[in-house]
Each structure stands twice: as structure tokens, then as C-alpha cells.
């Protein structure tokens, strides 16, 4: 059993939320599951609490009695600013503020590698490099990481920012040979972040032990997470065959980084 009485999972209806639910089932006396989308009925030791992250009063009610939060709820849209603002920015603030008010100990925040997606694939990075968001989505994740830092520095609410790569049953394209995280590794990373006696403020890349991975992961080592899987072993033959080919996307954010990107003479013309 984990050393928590009640854990809240936001975004519990999504693919990552379902993995979190499975990983935590039976490991905590009360697992509270929240989303605006339909969720499977509550099982033993579970509570299903529909909640819109934009509604701060509802978020505070969902947070009652919670010791730790896994905040996975978000909008994945590419360029809808209002939805990004409402769900990913205001909603994330609501979660952190409600956790503070409830006296929660720890928040696991689902950030994303898209917070640093404008770095080239030829440049390995760690957690000290400046943020370089590749999209409005990535920009909102930068806000979430800063909010986590603020609530730790100001109120000592522990936070782990999970810069999640590509959580899939197996890699689906060449880029995911570097960004892939197995479902098993994702679940084990969540448990490691919850089990660590102290985390303070940490940034952890959500990635398996892939060959040539772009990201150094010192906080994952500190928190005791050791990935078990490797994209080269899990990828189907068609993807494995692409390993040595030139990258289809020069930036780590892939399609999101490429979306709407102005380059070269086009960028200079746009300034005039």
C-alpha cells in the first residue's frame, strides 16, 4: 500500500488516466477519479467524481480529503487559445490552489516534452535548459511547470512535473524510437514519484530507456525510477527499419513543432 489515504486522478477517463487508475487500484484506501468525460463505474476503494477543471468550486470539492493528486486532465488542442486558457492554464491553477487549500502533500503534474519541443533533435537536453514550447499546448505546460514551482517555493506543496513523451503500447513512428514510453514504465514512474519519501520540486521526463534518447533525466534517478523497456525492442519491424533514416522532423516536438512554423525567408518576410 502507498502511504496515502486518498489520491485524486484528474483526466481519469483518458488513456493515461486509465493507466493511472489501473496502477493505483488496491494501493490506496480511496482512489478518487475525476473527469468531464464518462468513466467506468467505481470499483472497490474507488470514487467517481465528475468535475470540470474550469469550475474552481467543483475542483475544491473534489479535492476534499486528498493527500496527493495526479493531474492528467488537459485539452490537447493545437491552436484553440480560449480552450487552452480555460482548461490547461486556469484549470491547472485551480488544481494546485485546491490542493494547497486541502493540505495535500504532493502533486504529480502531467507536463509534456512539448514544453521543450523547439529544441532540435540533434541537441540532447536535461532539466536546466530554458523552456522552448512548440505550441499553445506546450506553452500551457510551461505555465503548469511554473505553477508547480510557485506552489512549492511559496507553500511547500511538493510537485513532480512529468514531461511525458509518447505513451503507447508500442512506438508508432520513427520519432517515437526516442520519445516512446511504455505503458508499464509510465505506471512504474507514477508509483516511484508517489513512493519517494521527499520530492520537493522535480522535473522528470516520461520516457523509457530508449537508445539515443534526447533527454537527460537526473530527477528520475533521484526519485528511484528505472525504466524497464526500450523502443528498439518494442517497435514493429516497419518502425525499426526507419531507425537509421534521417529524421522526418528536425525539432523534438515533431508535428506540433512543425505546425504553423515560419522558417528562413518566410519568417523574415512575416516581420515586415
Protein backbone atom coordinates (compact mmCIF):
# COMPACT_ATOMS: atom_id res chain seq x y z
CA UNK A 1 0.00 0.00 0.00
CA UNK A 2 1.07 3.56 -0.68
CA UNK A 3 1.38 5.93 2.25
CA UNK A 4 -1.68 7.99 1.30
CA UNK A 5 -5.30 7.87 2.42
CA UNK A 6 -6.82 9.34 -0.73
CA UNK A 7 -5.36 10.10 -4.18
CA UNK A 8 -7.19 12.13 -6.80
CA UNK A 9 -6.66 11.46 -10.52
CA UNK A 10 -7.90 14.15 -12.91
CA UNK A 11 -8.41 13.24 -16.55
CA UNK A 12 -9.26 9.74 -15.36
CA UNK A 13 -11.30 8.92 -18.49
CA UNK A 14 -8.32 9.39 -20.82
CA UNK A 15 -5.76 6.81 -21.85
CA UNK A 16 -3.21 7.95 -19.26
CA UNK A 17 -5.92 8.26 -16.63
CA UNK A 18 -6.94 4.66 -17.22
CA UNK A 19 -3.32 3.55 -16.83
CA UNK A 20 -3.04 5.51 -13.59
CA UNK A 21 -6.29 4.00 -12.32
CA UNK A 22 -5.03 0.51 -13.06
CA UNK A 23 -1.66 1.16 -11.41
CA UNK A 24 -3.20 2.59 -8.23
CA UNK A 25 -6.10 0.18 -7.82
CA UNK A 26 -5.76 -1.54 -4.44
CA UNK A 27 -2.70 0.50 -3.47
CA UNK A 28 -4.54 3.27 -1.59
CA UNK A 29 -7.64 3.12 0.64
CA UNK A 30 -9.52 5.64 -1.51
CA UNK A 31 -8.85 6.41 -5.18
CA UNK A 32 -10.91 9.36 -6.41
CA UNK A 33 -11.37 9.61 -10.19
CA UNK A 34 -12.40 12.81 -11.92
CA UNK A 35 -13.17 13.89 -15.50
CA UNK A 36 -15.88 15.57 -17.57
CA UNK A 37 -15.99 12.53 -19.88
CA UNK A 38 -17.78 9.30 -18.88
CA UNK A 39 -15.79 6.98 -16.65
CA UNK A 40 -16.18 3.32 -15.81
CA UNK A 41 -18.22 2.71 -12.64
CA UNK A 42 -16.36 2.82 -9.33
CA UNK A 43 -14.86 -0.42 -8.12
CA UNK A 44 -13.83 -1.34 -4.58
CA UNK A 45 -11.91 1.51 -2.97
CA UNK A 46 -12.77 3.92 -5.83
CA UNK A 47 -14.87 7.09 -6.05
CA UNK A 48 -16.03 8.52 -9.38
CA UNK A 49 -16.49 12.29 -9.13
CA UNK A 50 -17.27 14.13 -12.40
CA UNK A 51 -15.64 17.54 -12.32
CA UNK A 52 -14.87 20.34 -14.79
CA UNK A 53 -11.40 21.76 -14.13
CA UNK A 54 -12.65 25.22 -15.12
CA UNK A 55 -15.06 25.22 -12.15
CA UNK A 56 -12.88 26.16 -9.20
CA UNK A 57 -15.63 25.39 -6.66
CA UNK A 58 -16.11 21.90 -8.09
CA UNK A 59 -12.35 21.31 -8.10
CA UNK A 60 -12.12 22.30 -4.44
CA UNK A 61 -14.96 19.91 -3.62
CA UNK A 62 -13.23 17.08 -5.50
CA UNK A 63 -10.03 17.81 -3.58
CA UNK A 64 -11.58 17.37 -0.10
CA UNK A 65 -9.57 14.92 1.98
CA UNK A 66 -6.99 14.32 -0.75
CA UNK A 67 -3.33 13.62 0.13
CA UNK A 68 -1.91 13.52 -3.39
CA UNK A 69 -3.04 14.48 -6.89
CA UNK A 70 -2.15 13.06 -10.29
CA UNK A 71 -3.20 15.89 -12.58
CA UNK A 72 -3.63 14.44 -16.07
CA UNK A 73 -6.66 16.44 -17.21
CA UNK A 74 -5.97 18.76 -20.16
CA UNK A 75 -7.07 19.89 -23.58
CA UNK A 76 -4.81 18.55 -26.35
CA UNK A 77 -5.91 21.08 -28.96
CA UNK A 78 -3.35 22.63 -31.30
CA UNK A 79 -4.40 26.26 -31.68
CA UNK A 80 -7.57 26.99 -29.68
CA UNK A 81 -6.35 29.68 -27.30
CA UNK A 82 -9.57 30.03 -25.31
CA UNK A 83 -9.75 26.30 -24.55
CA UNK A 84 -6.04 26.25 -23.70
CA UNK A 85 -6.53 29.20 -21.36
CA UNK A 86 -9.62 27.80 -19.68
CA UNK A 87 -8.63 24.15 -19.25
CA UNK A 88 -4.83 23.94 -19.28
CA UNK A 89 -3.98 27.22 -17.57
CA UNK A 90 -6.91 28.25 -15.36
CA UNK A 91 -7.80 24.60 -14.74
CA UNK A 92 -4.26 23.75 -13.68
CA UNK A 93 -4.15 26.73 -11.33
CA UNK A 94 -7.46 25.56 -9.84
CA UNK A 95 -5.97 22.13 -9.16
CA UNK A 96 -2.84 23.47 -7.45
CA UNK A 97 -4.77 26.02 -5.40
CA UNK A 98 -7.34 23.45 -4.33
CA UNK A 99 -4.54 21.04 -3.38
CA UNK A 100 -2.94 23.75 -1.25
CA UNK A 101 -6.23 24.58 0.46
CA UNK A 102 -6.92 20.89 1.12
CA UNK A 103 -3.50 20.35 2.69
CA UNK A 104 -2.41 17.81 0.06
CA UNK A 105 1.21 16.71 0.25
CA UNK A 106 2.11 16.17 -3.39
CA UNK A 107 1.00 16.88 -6.95
CA UNK A 108 2.15 14.86 -9.96
CA UNK A 109 1.61 17.23 -12.86
CA UNK A 110 1.36 15.90 -16.41
CA UNK A 111 3.60 18.31 -18.25
CA UNK A 112 4.89 17.36 -21.68
CA UNK A 113 8.00 17.24 -23.81
CA UNK A 114 6.18 19.84 -25.90
CA UNK A 115 7.25 22.36 -23.23
CA UNK A 116 10.72 21.98 -24.76
CA UNK A 117 9.68 20.87 -28.22
CA UNK A 118 11.54 23.58 -30.17
CA UNK A 119 14.94 22.10 -29.37
CA UNK A 120 16.49 20.32 -32.35
CA UNK A 121 16.63 16.54 -32.29
CA UNK A 122 20.41 16.80 -32.54
CA UNK A 123 20.66 18.59 -29.16
CA UNK A 124 20.28 16.41 -26.07
CA UNK A 125 18.79 18.36 -23.16
CA UNK A 126 18.17 17.88 -19.47
CA UNK A 127 16.12 19.86 -16.97
CA UNK A 128 18.25 23.02 -16.69
CA UNK A 129 17.80 24.29 -20.25
CA UNK A 130 15.27 27.11 -20.81
CA UNK A 131 11.74 26.15 -21.74
CA UNK A 132 11.04 26.25 -25.51
CA UNK A 133 7.35 25.45 -26.10
CA UNK A 134 6.37 24.31 -29.57
CA UNK A 135 2.62 25.10 -29.46
CA UNK A 136 -0.11 26.67 -27.36
CA UNK A 137 -0.37 23.27 -25.70
CA UNK A 138 3.35 23.32 -24.90
CA UNK A 139 3.04 26.91 -23.70
CA UNK A 140 0.33 25.88 -21.26
CA UNK A 141 2.60 23.14 -19.93
CA UNK A 142 5.28 25.75 -19.27
CA UNK A 143 2.71 27.59 -17.16
CA UNK A 144 1.96 24.39 -15.27
CA UNK A 145 5.64 23.80 -14.51
CA UNK A 146 5.97 27.38 -13.27
CA UNK A 147 2.82 27.00 -11.17
CA UNK A 148 4.28 23.84 -9.63
CA UNK A 149 7.48 25.73 -8.80
CA UNK A 150 5.49 28.60 -7.27
CA UNK A 151 3.37 26.36 -5.06
CA UNK A 152 6.48 24.51 -3.84
CA UNK A 153 8.54 27.64 -3.16
CA UNK A 154 5.67 29.56 -1.60
CA UNK A 155 3.59 26.91 0.16
CA UNK A 156 5.79 23.78 0.25
CA UNK A 157 3.34 21.77 -1.85
CA UNK A 158 5.57 19.09 -3.36
CA UNK A 159 5.37 18.70 -7.12
CA UNK A 160 6.78 16.43 -9.81
CA UNK A 161 6.42 17.75 -13.36
CA UNK A 162 6.28 14.78 -15.72
CA UNK A 163 7.49 15.82 -19.17
CA UNK A 164 5.69 12.96 -20.85
CA UNK A 165 6.95 11.71 -24.19
CA UNK A 166 4.80 9.30 -26.23
CA UNK A 167 3.00 6.75 -24.07
CA UNK A 168 1.85 3.98 -26.40
CA UNK A 169 1.62 0.17 -26.38
CA UNK A 170 4.46 0.31 -28.93
CA UNK A 171 6.24 3.01 -30.98
CA UNK A 172 4.18 4.02 -33.99
CA UNK A 173 6.68 6.09 -35.99
CA UNK A 174 10.39 6.83 -36.25
CA UNK A 175 10.29 9.79 -33.85
CA UNK A 176 8.85 7.57 -31.13
CA UNK A 177 12.02 5.49 -31.11
CA UNK A 178 13.30 8.40 -29.00
CA UNK A 179 10.17 9.73 -27.25
CA UNK A 180 8.36 6.45 -26.51
CA UNK A 181 7.36 5.41 -23.02
CA UNK A 182 5.83 2.01 -22.45
CA UNK A 183 2.60 1.79 -20.52
CA UNK A 184 4.39 -0.30 -17.90
CA UNK A 185 7.12 2.32 -17.47
CA UNK A 186 4.51 5.08 -17.19
CA UNK A 187 2.75 3.26 -14.39
CA UNK A 188 6.02 2.48 -12.61
CA UNK A 189 7.10 6.12 -12.88
CA UNK A 190 3.87 7.26 -11.23
CA UNK A 191 4.43 4.82 -8.38
CA UNK A 192 8.07 5.88 -7.96
CA UNK A 193 7.02 9.54 -7.74
CA UNK A 194 4.42 8.70 -5.12
CA UNK A 195 6.63 6.36 -3.12
CA UNK A 196 9.67 8.66 -2.89
CA UNK A 197 9.88 9.98 0.68
CA UNK A 198 10.65 13.54 -0.49
CA UNK A 199 10.47 15.11 -3.93
CA UNK A 200 10.42 18.87 -3.33
CA UNK A 201 10.15 20.23 -6.85
CA UNK A 202 11.25 17.87 -9.59
CA UNK A 203 11.14 17.61 -13.38
CA UNK A 204 11.08 14.09 -14.74
CA UNK A 205 10.98 13.09 -18.39
CA UNK A 206 8.39 10.42 -19.08
CA UNK A 207 10.40 8.18 -21.36
CA UNK A 208 11.59 4.60 -21.47
CA UNK A 209 15.23 3.53 -21.68
CA UNK A 210 15.43 4.08 -25.43
CA UNK A 211 18.65 4.05 -27.43
CA UNK A 212 19.82 7.59 -28.23
CA UNK A 213 17.13 9.23 -26.10
CA UNK A 214 17.23 13.04 -26.31
CA UNK A 215 16.67 13.73 -22.62
CA UNK A 216 18.90 13.51 -19.55
CA UNK A 217 16.79 12.54 -16.55
CA UNK A 218 18.60 13.26 -13.25
CA UNK A 219 15.44 13.73 -11.17
CA UNK A 220 14.13 10.35 -12.33
CA UNK A 221 17.31 8.81 -10.96
CA UNK A 222 16.91 10.74 -7.72
CA UNK A 223 13.34 9.50 -7.27
CA UNK A 224 14.30 5.90 -7.99
CA UNK A 225 12.64 5.39 -11.36
CA UNK A 226 14.47 2.90 -13.59
CA UNK A 227 12.77 2.26 -16.96
CA UNK A 228 12.37 -1.35 -17.97
CA UNK A 229 11.57 -1.02 -21.66
CA UNK A 230 13.31 0.13 -24.86
CA UNK A 231 11.62 1.39 -28.03
CA UNK A 232 14.00 -0.50 -30.32
CA UNK A 233 12.86 -3.80 -28.81
CA UNK A 234 9.17 -2.92 -28.78
CA UNK A 235 8.77 -1.25 -32.19
CA UNK A 236 7.24 -3.18 -35.09
CA UNK A 237 9.67 -4.08 -37.90
CA UNK A 238 8.45 -1.26 -40.13
CA UNK A 239 9.41 1.32 -37.49
CA UNK A 240 12.67 -0.42 -36.55
CA UNK A 241 13.69 -0.22 -40.22
CA UNK A 242 13.46 3.59 -40.03
CA UNK A 243 15.96 3.88 -37.17
CA UNK A 244 18.90 4.97 -39.32
CA UNK A 245 16.91 7.17 -41.71
CA UNK A 246 17.08 10.99 -41.47
CA UNK A 247 14.54 12.38 -39.04
CA UNK A 248 11.27 13.45 -40.62
CA UNK A 249 11.02 16.25 -38.03
CA UNK A 250 14.11 18.33 -37.13
CA UNK A 251 12.59 19.55 -33.84
CA UNK A 252 11.85 17.43 -30.79
CA UNK A 253 8.19 18.44 -30.77
CA UNK A 254 7.56 16.69 -34.09
CA UNK A 255 4.24 17.58 -35.71
CA UNK A 256 3.33 20.16 -33.07
CA UNK A 257 6.63 21.97 -33.58
CA UNK A 258 6.15 21.89 -37.36
CA UNK A 259 2.56 23.15 -37.24
CA UNK A 260 2.44 26.79 -38.39
CA UNK A 261 6.23 27.12 -38.31
CA UNK A 262 7.73 30.01 -40.30
CA UNK A 263 11.29 29.46 -41.46
CA UNK A 264 14.02 31.29 -43.36
CA UNK A 265 12.88 33.94 -45.82
CA UNK A 266 9.24 33.36 -44.90
CA UNK A 267 9.98 34.24 -41.25
CA UNK A 268 11.85 37.39 -42.27
CA UNK A 269 9.04 38.45 -44.59
CA UNK A 270 6.49 37.96 -41.84
CA UNK A 271 8.27 40.55 -39.71
CA UNK A 272 7.90 43.29 -42.31
